[in-house]
C-alpha atoms as a PDB file:
ATOM      1  CA  UNK A   1       3.244  -8.104 -22.315  1.00  0.00           C
ATOM      2  CA  UNK A   2       5.487  -8.711 -19.181  1.00  0.00           C
ATOM      3  CA  UNK A   3       7.718  -5.829 -19.648  1.00  0.00           C
ATOM      4  CA  UNK A   4       4.711  -3.249 -19.992  1.00  0.00           C
ATOM      5  CA  UNK A   5       3.124  -4.909 -16.802  1.00  0.00           C
ATOM      6  CA  UNK A   6       5.940  -4.470 -15.011  1.00  0.00           C
ATOM      7  CA  UNK A   7       6.348  -0.591 -16.090  1.00  0.00           C
ATOM      8  CA  UNK A   8       2.919  -0.309 -14.822  1.00  0.00           C
ATOM      9  CA  UNK A   9       3.768  -2.061 -11.299  1.00  0.00           C
ATOM     10  CA  UNK A  10       6.772  -0.045 -10.927  1.00  0.00           C
ATOM     11  CA  UNK A  11       4.946   3.075 -11.453  1.00  0.00           C
ATOM     12  CA  UNK A  12       2.226   2.204  -9.122  1.00  0.00           C
ATOM     13  CA  UNK A  13       4.285   0.935  -6.222  1.00  0.00           C
ATOM     14  CA  UNK A  14       6.581   4.321  -6.839  1.00  0.00           C
ATOM     15  CA  UNK A  15       9.968   2.698  -7.048  1.00  0.00           C
ATOM     16  CA  UNK A  16      12.321   3.394  -9.815  1.00  0.00           C
ATOM     17  CA  UNK A  17      13.508   1.097 -12.562  1.00  0.00           C
ATOM     18  CA  UNK A  18      15.297   0.965 -15.860  1.00  0.00           C
ATOM     19  CA  UNK A  19      13.578  -0.385 -19.486  1.00  0.00           C
ATOM     20  CA  UNK A  20      16.434  -2.662 -21.160  1.00  0.00           C
ATOM     21  CA  UNK A  21      16.011  -2.940 -25.226  1.00  0.00           C
ATOM     22  CA  UNK A  22      17.744  -4.700 -27.528  1.00  0.00           C
ATOM     23  CA  UNK A  23      18.560  -1.959 -30.082  1.00  0.00           C
ATOM     24  CA  UNK A  24      20.469  -3.446 -32.530  1.00  0.00           C
ATOM     25  CA  UNK A  25      21.870  -6.764 -33.497  1.00  0.00           C
ATOM     26  CA  UNK A  26      24.921  -8.248 -36.073  1.00  0.00           C
ATOM     27  CA  UNK A  27      24.931 -11.837 -36.359  1.00  0.00           C
ATOM     28  CA  UNK A  28      23.233 -14.046 -34.225  1.00  0.00           C
ATOM     29  CA  UNK A  29      21.917 -13.186 -30.828  1.00  0.00           C
ATOM     30  CA  UNK A  30      19.339 -14.923 -28.422  1.00  0.00           C
ATOM     31  CA  UNK A  31      16.996 -12.229 -28.821  1.00  0.00           C
ATOM     32  CA  UNK A  32      15.999 -10.085 -32.011  1.00  0.00           C
ATOM     33  CA  UNK A  33      16.218  -6.382 -31.758  1.00  0.00           C
ATOM     34  CA  UNK A  34      13.178  -4.808 -30.017  1.00  0.00           C
ATOM     35  CA  UNK A  35      13.395  -7.751 -27.233  1.00  0.00           C
ATOM     36  CA  UNK A  36      12.672  -5.729 -23.553  1.00  0.00           C
ATOM     37  CA  UNK A  37      13.585  -6.378 -20.037  1.00  0.00           C
ATOM     38  CA  UNK A  38      12.847  -4.715 -16.922  1.00  0.00           C
ATOM     39  CA  UNK A  39      15.033  -4.279 -13.894  1.00  0.00           C
ATOM     40  CA  UNK A  40      14.261  -2.712 -10.585  1.00  0.00           C
ATOM     41  CA  UNK A  41      16.625  -2.759  -7.415  1.00  0.00           C
ATOM     42  CA  UNK A  42      15.810  -6.381  -6.907  1.00  0.00           C
ATOM     43  CA  UNK A  43      13.674  -7.778  -9.641  1.00  0.00           C
ATOM     44  CA  UNK A  44      13.390  -8.111 -13.486  1.00  0.00           C
ATOM     45  CA  UNK A  45      10.885  -9.151 -15.723  1.00  0.00           C
ATOM     46  CA  UNK A  46      11.180 -10.447 -19.153  1.00  0.00           C
ATOM     47  CA  UNK A  47      14.629 -11.566 -21.219  1.00  0.00           C
ATOM     48  CA  UNK A  48      16.617  -9.910 -23.192  1.00  0.00           C
ATOM     49  CA  UNK A  49      18.594 -13.187 -23.711  1.00  0.00           C
ATOM     50  CA  UNK A  50      19.919 -14.807 -20.726  1.00  0.00           C
ATOM     51  CA  UNK A  51      23.501 -15.093 -20.005  1.00  0.00           C
ATOM     52  CA  UNK A  52      26.273 -13.107 -19.865  1.00  0.00           C
ATOM     53  CA  UNK A  53      24.161 -10.451 -21.914  1.00  0.00           C
ATOM     54  CA  UNK A  54      21.691 -10.260 -19.622  1.00  0.00           C
ATOM     55  CA  UNK A  55      23.433 -10.207 -16.188  1.00  0.00           C
ATOM     56  CA  UNK A  56      25.557  -7.190 -17.871  1.00  0.00           C
ATOM     57  CA  UNK A  57      22.584  -5.463 -18.664  1.00  0.00           C
ATOM     58  CA  UNK A  58      21.230  -6.073 -15.179  1.00  0.00           C
ATOM     59  CA  UNK A  59      24.526  -4.980 -13.520  1.00  0.00           C
ATOM     60  CA  UNK A  60      24.660  -1.896 -15.275  1.00  0.00           C
ATOM     61  CA  UNK A  61      20.891  -1.420 -15.237  1.00  0.00           C
ATOM     62  CA  UNK A  62      21.665  -1.358 -11.340  1.00  0.00           C
ATOM     63  CA  UNK A  63      24.595   0.919 -11.180  1.00  0.00           C
ATOM     64  CA  UNK A  64      22.191   3.456 -13.068  1.00  0.00           C
ATOM     65  CA  UNK A  65      19.766   2.985 -10.001  1.00  0.00           C
ATOM     66  CA  UNK A  66      21.794   3.706  -7.529  1.00  0.00           C
ATOM     67  CA  UNK A  67      23.489   6.447  -9.190  1.00  0.00           C
ATOM     68  CA  UNK A  68      20.058   7.952  -9.919  1.00  0.00           C
ATOM     69  CA  UNK A  69      20.743   8.369 -14.036  1.00  0.00           C
ATOM     70  CA  UNK A  70      18.433  10.112 -15.643  1.00  0.00           C
ATOM     71  CA  UNK A  71      19.816   9.664 -19.199  1.00  0.00           C
ATOM     72  CA  UNK A  72      19.512   6.591 -21.360  1.00  0.00           C
ATOM     73  CA  UNK A  73      22.650   4.984 -21.916  1.00  0.00           C
ATOM     74  CA  UNK A  74      23.434   2.525 -24.854  1.00  0.00           C
ATOM     75  CA  UNK A  75      25.707  -0.821 -24.001  1.00  0.00           C
ATOM     76  CA  UNK A  76      27.609  -3.110 -26.586  1.00  0.00           C
ATOM     77  CA  UNK A  77      28.094  -6.757 -26.007  1.00  0.00           C
ATOM     78  CA  UNK A  78      30.193  -9.055 -27.789  1.00  0.00           C
ATOM     79  CA  UNK A  79      28.812 -12.645 -28.200  1.00  0.00           C
ATOM     80  CA  UNK A  80      31.958 -14.521 -28.485  1.00  0.00           C
ATOM     81  CA  UNK A  81      34.300 -16.677 -26.809  1.00  0.00           C
ATOM     82  CA  UNK A  82      37.108 -14.461 -27.467  1.00  0.00           C
ATOM     83  CA  UNK A  83      35.318 -11.764 -25.885  1.00  0.00           C
ATOM     84  CA  UNK A  84      35.647 -10.212 -22.377  1.00  0.00           C
ATOM     85  CA  UNK A  85      33.205 -11.524 -20.240  1.00  0.00           C
ATOM     86  CA  UNK A  86      32.029 -11.401 -16.756  1.00  0.00           C
ATOM     87  CA  UNK A  87      29.071 -13.883 -16.324  1.00  0.00           C
ATOM     88  CA  UNK A  88      30.391 -17.153 -18.189  1.00  0.00           C
ATOM     89  CA  UNK A  89      31.057 -17.320 -21.885  1.00  0.00           C
ATOM     90  CA  UNK A  90      28.233 -16.656 -24.315  1.00  0.00           C
ATOM     91  CA  UNK A  91      29.250 -17.603 -28.230  1.00  0.00           C
ATOM     92  CA  UNK A  92      26.438 -17.157 -30.277  1.00  0.00           C
ATOM     93  CA  UNK A  93      28.884 -14.814 -32.566  1.00  0.00           C
ATOM     94  CA  UNK A  94      27.222 -11.772 -32.352  1.00  0.00           C
ATOM     95  CA  UNK A  95      27.325  -8.391 -31.520  1.00  0.00           C
ATOM     96  CA  UNK A  96      24.553  -6.555 -29.559  1.00  0.00           C
ATOM     97  CA  UNK A  97      23.819  -3.125 -28.426  1.00  0.00           C
ATOM     98  CA  UNK A  98      21.666  -2.526 -25.736  1.00  0.00           C
ATOM     99  CA  UNK A  99      19.415   0.664 -24.999  1.00  0.00           C
ATOM    100  CA  UNK A 100      18.829   1.023 -20.867  1.00  0.00           C
ATOM    101  CA  UNK A 101      16.253   4.121 -20.304  1.00  0.00           C
ATOM    102  CA  UNK A 102      15.599   4.719 -16.477  1.00  0.00           C
ATOM    103  CA  UNK A 103      12.179   4.882 -15.305  1.00  0.00           C
ATOM    104  CA  UNK A 104      11.917   7.443 -12.434  1.00  0.00           C
ATOM    105  CA  UNK A 105       9.792   7.742  -9.780  1.00  0.00           C
ATOM    106  CA  UNK A 106       7.675  10.810 -10.973  1.00  0.00           C
ATOM    107  CA  UNK A 107       6.063  13.674  -9.269  1.00  0.00           C
ATOM    108  CA  UNK A 108       2.782  13.260  -7.146  1.00  0.00           C
ATOM    109  CA  UNK A 109       0.528  16.054  -6.828  1.00  0.00           C
ATOM    110  CA  UNK A 110      -2.702  16.212  -4.853  1.00  0.00           C
ATOM    111  CA  UNK A 111      -4.872  19.132  -5.485  1.00  0.00           C
ATOM    112  CA  UNK A 112      -7.910  19.896  -2.770  1.00  0.00           C
ATOM    113  CA  UNK A 113     -10.308  21.808  -4.166  1.00  0.00           C
ATOM    114  CA  UNK A 114     -11.413  21.686  -8.290  1.00  0.00           C
ATOM    115  CA  UNK A 115     -12.381  24.890  -8.116  1.00  0.00           C
ATOM    116  CA  UNK A 116     -11.843  27.757 -11.078  1.00  0.00           C
ATOM    117  CA  UNK A 117      -7.938  27.884 -10.053  1.00  0.00           C
ATOM    118  CA  UNK A 118      -7.658  23.871  -9.458  1.00  0.00           C
ATOM    119  CA  UNK A 119      -8.978  23.104 -12.550  1.00  0.00           C
ATOM    120  CA  UNK A 120      -6.901  25.227 -14.345  1.00  0.00           C
ATOM    121  CA  UNK A 121      -3.784  24.236 -12.432  1.00  0.00           C
ATOM    122  CA  UNK A 122      -4.816  20.316 -13.000  1.00  0.00           C
ATOM    123  CA  UNK A 123      -5.091  21.197 -16.983  1.00  0.00           C
ATOM    124  CA  UNK A 124      -1.499  22.788 -16.867  1.00  0.00           C
ATOM    125  CA  UNK A 125       0.051  19.871 -14.346  1.00  0.00           C
ATOM    126  CA  UNK A 126      -2.015  17.212 -16.707  1.00  0.00           C
ATOM    127  CA  UNK A 127       0.658  18.243 -19.468  1.00  0.00           C
ATOM    128  CA  UNK A 128       3.172  16.561 -17.144  1.00  0.00           C
ATOM    129  CA  UNK A 129       4.476  13.271 -16.608  1.00  0.00           C
ATOM    130  CA  UNK A 130       3.264  12.811 -12.862  1.00  0.00           C
ATOM    131  CA  UNK A 131       0.530  11.668 -10.574  1.00  0.00           C
ATOM    132  CA  UNK A 132      -2.218  14.031 -10.374  1.00  0.00           C
ATOM    133  CA  UNK A 133      -4.777  13.653  -7.604  1.00  0.00           C
ATOM    134  CA  UNK A 134      -7.752  15.959  -7.826  1.00  0.00           C
ATOM    135  CA  UNK A 135      -9.974  16.138  -4.608  1.00  0.00           C
ATOM    136  CA  UNK A 136     -13.065  17.868  -3.954  1.00  0.00           C
ATOM    137  CA  UNK A 137     -16.229  17.655  -1.411  1.00  0.00           C
ATOM    138  CA  UNK A 138     -18.381  18.967  -4.097  1.00  0.00           C
ATOM    139  CA  UNK A 139     -19.606  16.019  -6.575  1.00  0.00           C
ATOM    140  CA  UNK A 140     -20.221  18.975  -9.085  1.00  0.00           C
ATOM    141  CA  UNK A 141     -16.662  19.881  -9.427  1.00  0.00           C
ATOM    142  CA  UNK A 142     -15.541  16.300 -10.318  1.00  0.00           C
ATOM    143  CA  UNK A 143     -18.320  15.212 -12.849  1.00  0.00           C
ATOM    144  CA  UNK A 144     -17.006  13.672 -16.021  1.00  0.00           C
ATOM    145  CA  UNK A 145     -18.234  16.524 -18.445  1.00  0.00           C
ATOM    146  CA  UNK A 146     -15.960  19.038 -16.525  1.00  0.00           C
ATOM    147  CA  UNK A 147     -13.041  16.903 -16.418  1.00  0.00           C
ATOM    148  CA  UNK A 148     -13.229  16.198 -20.033  1.00  0.00           C
ATOM    149  CA  UNK A 149     -10.454  18.681 -20.522  1.00  0.00           C
ATOM    150  CA  UNK A 150      -7.953  16.253 -18.849  1.00  0.00           C
ATOM    151  CA  UNK A 151      -8.812  13.412 -21.333  1.00  0.00           C
ATOM    152  CA  UNK A 152      -5.557  13.856 -23.054  1.00  0.00           C
ATOM    153  CA  UNK A 153      -3.258  14.123 -19.845  1.00  0.00           C
ATOM    154  CA  UNK A 154       0.425  12.912 -20.060  1.00  0.00           C
ATOM    155  CA  UNK A 155      -0.229  12.524 -15.807  1.00  0.00           C
ATOM    156  CA  UNK A 156      -1.930   9.436 -14.402  1.00  0.00           C
ATOM    157  CA  UNK A 157      -5.366  11.672 -13.184  1.00  0.00           C
ATOM    158  CA  UNK A 158      -6.672  10.042 -10.149  1.00  0.00           C
ATOM    159  CA  UNK A 159     -10.203  11.315  -9.052  1.00  0.00           C
ATOM    160  CA  UNK A 160     -11.463  11.444  -5.714  1.00  0.00           C
ATOM    161  CA  UNK A 161     -14.795  12.246  -4.970  1.00  0.00           C
ATOM    162  CA  UNK A 162     -15.367  12.662  -1.253  1.00  0.00           C
ATOM    163  CA  UNK A 163     -18.342  14.809   0.147  1.00  0.00           C
ATOM    164  CA  UNK A 164     -17.233  14.304   3.727  1.00  0.00           C
ATOM    165  CA  UNK A 165     -14.165  14.424   5.192  1.00  0.00           C
ATOM    166  CA  UNK A 166     -11.825  15.155   2.144  1.00  0.00           C
ATOM    167  CA  UNK A 167      -8.785  15.123   4.941  1.00  0.00           C
ATOM    168  CA  UNK A 168      -9.020  11.345   4.892  1.00  0.00           C
ATOM    169  CA  UNK A 169      -7.553  11.566   1.539  1.00  0.00           C
ATOM    170  CA  UNK A 170      -4.504  12.342   2.629  1.00  0.00           C
ATOM    171  CA  UNK A 171      -3.798   8.754   3.811  1.00  0.00           C
ATOM    172  CA  UNK A 172      -4.548   7.175   0.442  1.00  0.00           C
ATOM    173  CA  UNK A 173      -1.518   9.697  -1.091  1.00  0.00           C
ATOM    174  CA  UNK A 174       1.682   8.071  -2.123  1.00  0.00           C
ATOM    175  CA  UNK A 175       4.450   9.583   0.663  1.00  0.00           C
ATOM    176  CA  UNK A 176       6.121  12.277  -0.868  1.00  0.00           C
ATOM    177  CA  UNK A 177       3.118  13.854  -2.653  1.00  0.00           C
ATOM    178  CA  UNK A 178       2.697  17.740  -2.643  1.00  0.00           C
ATOM    179  CA  UNK A 179      -0.391  18.714  -1.540  1.00  0.00           C
ATOM    180  CA  UNK A 180      -2.025  22.015  -2.359  1.00  0.00           C
ATOM    181  CA  UNK A 181      -5.169  23.314  -0.378  1.00  0.00           C
ATOM    182  CA  UNK A 182      -7.293  25.356  -2.061  1.00  0.00           C
ATOM    183  CA  UNK A 183     -10.802  24.348  -1.505  1.00  0.00           C
ATOM    184  CA  UNK A 184     -14.227  26.468  -1.415  1.00  0.00           C
ATOM    185  CA  UNK A 185     -14.434  26.436   2.319  1.00  0.00           C
ATOM    186  CA  UNK A 186     -11.760  27.940   4.931  1.00  0.00           C
ATOM    187  CA  UNK A 187     -12.917  25.351   7.359  1.00  0.00           C
ATOM    188  CA  UNK A 188     -11.851  22.696   5.448  1.00  0.00           C
ATOM    189  CA  UNK A 189      -8.779  24.309   4.117  1.00  0.00           C
ATOM    190  CA  UNK A 190      -7.889  24.220   8.065  1.00  0.00           C
ATOM    191  CA  UNK A 191      -8.908  21.076   8.521  1.00  0.00           C
ATOM    192  CA  UNK A 192      -6.902  20.024   5.593  1.00  0.00           C
ATOM    193  CA  UNK A 193      -3.693  21.910   6.801  1.00  0.00           C
ATOM    194  CA  UNK A 194      -3.971  20.215  10.263  1.00  0.00           C
ATOM    195  CA  UNK A 195      -4.423  16.650   9.016  1.00  0.00           C
ATOM    196  CA  UNK A 196      -1.436  16.994   6.431  1.00  0.00           C
ATOM    197  CA  UNK A 197       0.733  18.242   9.353  1.00  0.00           C
ATOM    198  CA  UNK A 198      -0.270  15.431  11.328  1.00  0.00           C
ATOM    199  CA  UNK A 199       0.047  12.600   8.673  1.00  0.00           C
ATOM    200  CA  UNK A 200       3.838  13.710   7.935  1.00  0.00           C
ATOM    201  CA  UNK A 201       3.159  11.829   4.174  1.00  0.00           C
ATOM    202  CA  UNK A 202       3.274  15.124   2.119  1.00  0.00           C
ATOM    203  CA  UNK A 203       6.466  16.159   0.516  1.00  0.00           C
ATOM    204  CA  UNK A 204       5.253  20.030   0.816  1.00  0.00           C
ATOM    205  CA  UNK A 205       2.127  21.619   1.724  1.00  0.00           C
ATOM    206  CA  UNK A 206       1.086  24.675   0.108  1.00  0.00           C
ATOM    207  CA  UNK A 207      -2.013  26.964   0.998  1.00  0.00           C
ATOM    208  CA  UNK A 208      -3.717  29.170  -1.364  1.00  0.00           C
ATOM    209  CA  UNK A 209      -5.153  32.745   0.400  1.00  0.00           C
ATOM    210  CA  UNK A 210      -4.295  36.105   2.113  1.00  0.00           C
ATOM    211  CA  UNK A 211      -2.214  37.038   4.653  1.00  0.00           C
ATOM    212  CA  UNK A 212      -5.251  37.865   6.652  1.00  0.00           C
ATOM    213  CA  UNK A 213      -6.519  33.771   6.346  1.00  0.00           C
ATOM    214  CA  UNK A 214      -2.918  32.756   7.036  1.00  0.00           C
ATOM    215  CA  UNK A 215      -2.801  34.521  10.564  1.00  0.00           C
ATOM    216  CA  UNK A 216      -5.920  33.141  11.221  1.00  0.00           C
ATOM    217  CA  UNK A 217      -4.478  29.473  10.375  1.00  0.00           C
ATOM    218  CA  UNK A 218      -1.001  30.131  12.238  1.00  0.00           C
ATOM    219  CA  UNK A 219      -3.347  30.883  15.334  1.00  0.00           C
ATOM    220  CA  UNK A 220      -5.427  27.848  14.896  1.00  0.00           C
ATOM    221  CA  UNK A 221      -2.822  25.245  13.990  1.00  0.00           C
ATOM    222  CA  UNK A 222      -0.971  26.486  17.384  1.00  0.00           C
ATOM    223  CA  UNK A 223      -3.814  26.168  19.157  1.00  0.00           C
ATOM    224  CA  UNK A 224      -4.396  22.461  18.031  1.00  0.00           C
ATOM    225  CA  UNK A 225      -0.796  21.780  19.241  1.00  0.00           C
ATOM    226  CA  UNK A 226       1.497  22.154  16.290  1.00  0.00           C
ATOM    227  CA  UNK A 227       4.820  23.544  16.993  1.00  0.00           C
ATOM    228  CA  UNK A 228       6.221  26.682  14.908  1.00  0.00           C
ATOM    229  CA  UNK A 229       8.604  24.494  13.329  1.00  0.00           C
ATOM    230  CA  UNK A 230       5.872  22.144  12.013  1.00  0.00           C
ATOM    231  CA  UNK A 231       3.402  25.237  10.889  1.00  0.00           C
ATOM    232  CA  UNK A 232       6.303  26.659   8.821  1.00  0.00           C
ATOM    233  CA  UNK A 233       5.929  23.302   6.666  1.00  0.00           C
ATOM    234  CA  UNK A 234       3.208  25.150   5.161  1.00  0.00           C
ATOM    235  CA  UNK A 235       4.250  27.449   2.012  1.00  0.00           C
ATOM    236  CA  UNK A 236       1.605  30.426   1.618  1.00  0.00           C
ATOM    237  CA  UNK A 237       1.089  32.121  -0.851  1.00  0.00           C
ATOM    238  CA  UNK A 238       2.016  29.984  -3.257  1.00  0.00           C
ATOM    239  CA  UNK A 239       3.129  30.765  -6.948  1.00  0.00           C
ATOM    240  CA  UNK A 240       6.028  32.582  -8.416  1.00  0.00           C
ATOM    241  CA  UNK A 241       6.566  35.845  -5.478  1.00  0.00           C
ATOM    242  CA  UNK A 242       7.236  38.205  -8.779  1.00  0.00           C
ATOM    243  CA  UNK A 243       3.748  36.860 -10.832  1.00  0.00           C
ATOM    244  CA  UNK A 244       0.785  39.163  -9.868  1.00  0.00           C
ATOM    245  CA  UNK A 245      -2.782  38.823 -11.031  1.00  0.00           C
ATOM    246  CA  UNK A 246      -5.742  37.196  -9.812  1.00  0.00           C
ATOM    247  CA  UNK A 247      -7.017  35.901 -12.875  1.00  0.00           C
ATOM    248  CA  UNK A 248      -7.650  31.770 -12.446  1.00  0.00           C
ATOM    249  CA  UNK A 249      -5.408  31.119 -15.306  1.00  0.00           C
ATOM    250  CA  UNK A 250      -2.578  33.612 -14.198  1.00  0.00           C
ATOM    251  CA  UNK A 251      -2.630  32.194 -10.362  1.00  0.00           C
ATOM    252  CA  UNK A 252      -2.836  28.802 -11.943  1.00  0.00           C
ATOM    253  CA  UNK A 253       0.604  29.036 -14.085  1.00  0.00           C
ATOM    254  CA  UNK A 254       2.130  30.576 -10.835  1.00  0.00           C
ATOM    255  CA  UNK A 255       1.660  27.885  -8.739  1.00  0.00           C
ATOM    256  CA  UNK A 256       2.671  25.439 -11.631  1.00  0.00           C
ATOM    257  CA  UNK A 257       5.946  27.255 -12.200  1.00  0.00           C
ATOM    258  CA  UNK A 258       6.842  27.066  -8.405  1.00  0.00           C
ATOM    259  CA  UNK A 259       5.712  23.482  -8.698  1.00  0.00           C
ATOM    260  CA  UNK A 260       8.282  22.989 -11.314  1.00  0.00           C
ATOM    261  CA  UNK A 261      10.922  24.823  -9.446  1.00  0.00           C
ATOM    262  CA  UNK A 262      10.519  22.480  -6.274  1.00  0.00           C
ATOM    263  CA  UNK A 263      10.465  19.377  -8.304  1.00  0.00           C
ATOM    264  CA  UNK A 264      13.801  20.617  -9.701  1.00  0.00           C
ATOM    265  CA  UNK A 265      15.272  21.561  -6.425  1.00  0.00           C
ATOM    266  CA  UNK A 266      14.068  17.719  -5.191  1.00  0.00           C
ATOM    267  CA  UNK A 267      15.681  16.035  -8.206  1.00  0.00           C
ATOM    268  CA  UNK A 268      18.954  18.054  -7.409  1.00  0.00           C
ATOM    269  CA  UNK A 269      19.116  16.748  -3.653  1.00  0.00           C
ATOM    270  CA  UNK A 270      18.150  13.295  -4.371  1.00  0.00           C
ATOM    271  CA  UNK A 271      18.633  12.383  -8.109  1.00  0.00           C
ATOM    272  CA  UNK A 272      17.677   8.774  -7.539  1.00  0.00           C
ATOM    273  CA  UNK A 273      14.245   9.956  -7.225  1.00  0.00           C
ATOM    274  CA  UNK A 274      11.744  12.565  -8.361  1.00  0.00           C
ATOM    275  CA  UNK A 275       9.390  12.791  -6.063  1.00  0.00           C
END
């Protein structure tokens, strides 16, 4: 169906939209209940009936996009030559209730290093509506059998198997991705931090590790030409400050909760997007 393809396309392009559905019909109308249309800032797909009805729906949908609306709305439109109209008379004689549902840009998260902690974190994040990128230079970490725990994911899971130079994946990630660096190799972690700072694409950069590891990384990144302000973009340690414990599942819960706080803060400051 055209509207389903449109939703998929908007999601892939990380553009917001609004799904418009004919929720109910009284009397005569151009389309039956259940008819759908998708509206973006500059395009529409499918139809809910044309004429004044559709023009009013598009106008309201784009106002919702401009306002960063996140809650569904209903809109009643009378199809009568005696009804108020903005875009031409439509006198089918019925009344249509439209449901307008925002299709937000969902967060994007990339986990570099799908070891014990990374997989536990992926399992938690996969329960949320987001784009989840899993990256590892070790093929055995990303075999289908190991990732089977994500088969029922609500998230869109993208697996990147890169035996060499995993930092190249940074250029493939959507702008505004939240990058988490937690590989098995501190040299790989350092290369990823350097590349993430140079790319300018991530919304946040999180690094797992000790204070001693971070002290070494700060010196190394400074030697590679990064300013103190740029280095400060890296958050370490990651997770909720008051949550202790070194078990992989505990660390994963802490990091996931921290990320959800980041998402909420971003949405509060930029309601038109969620990532």
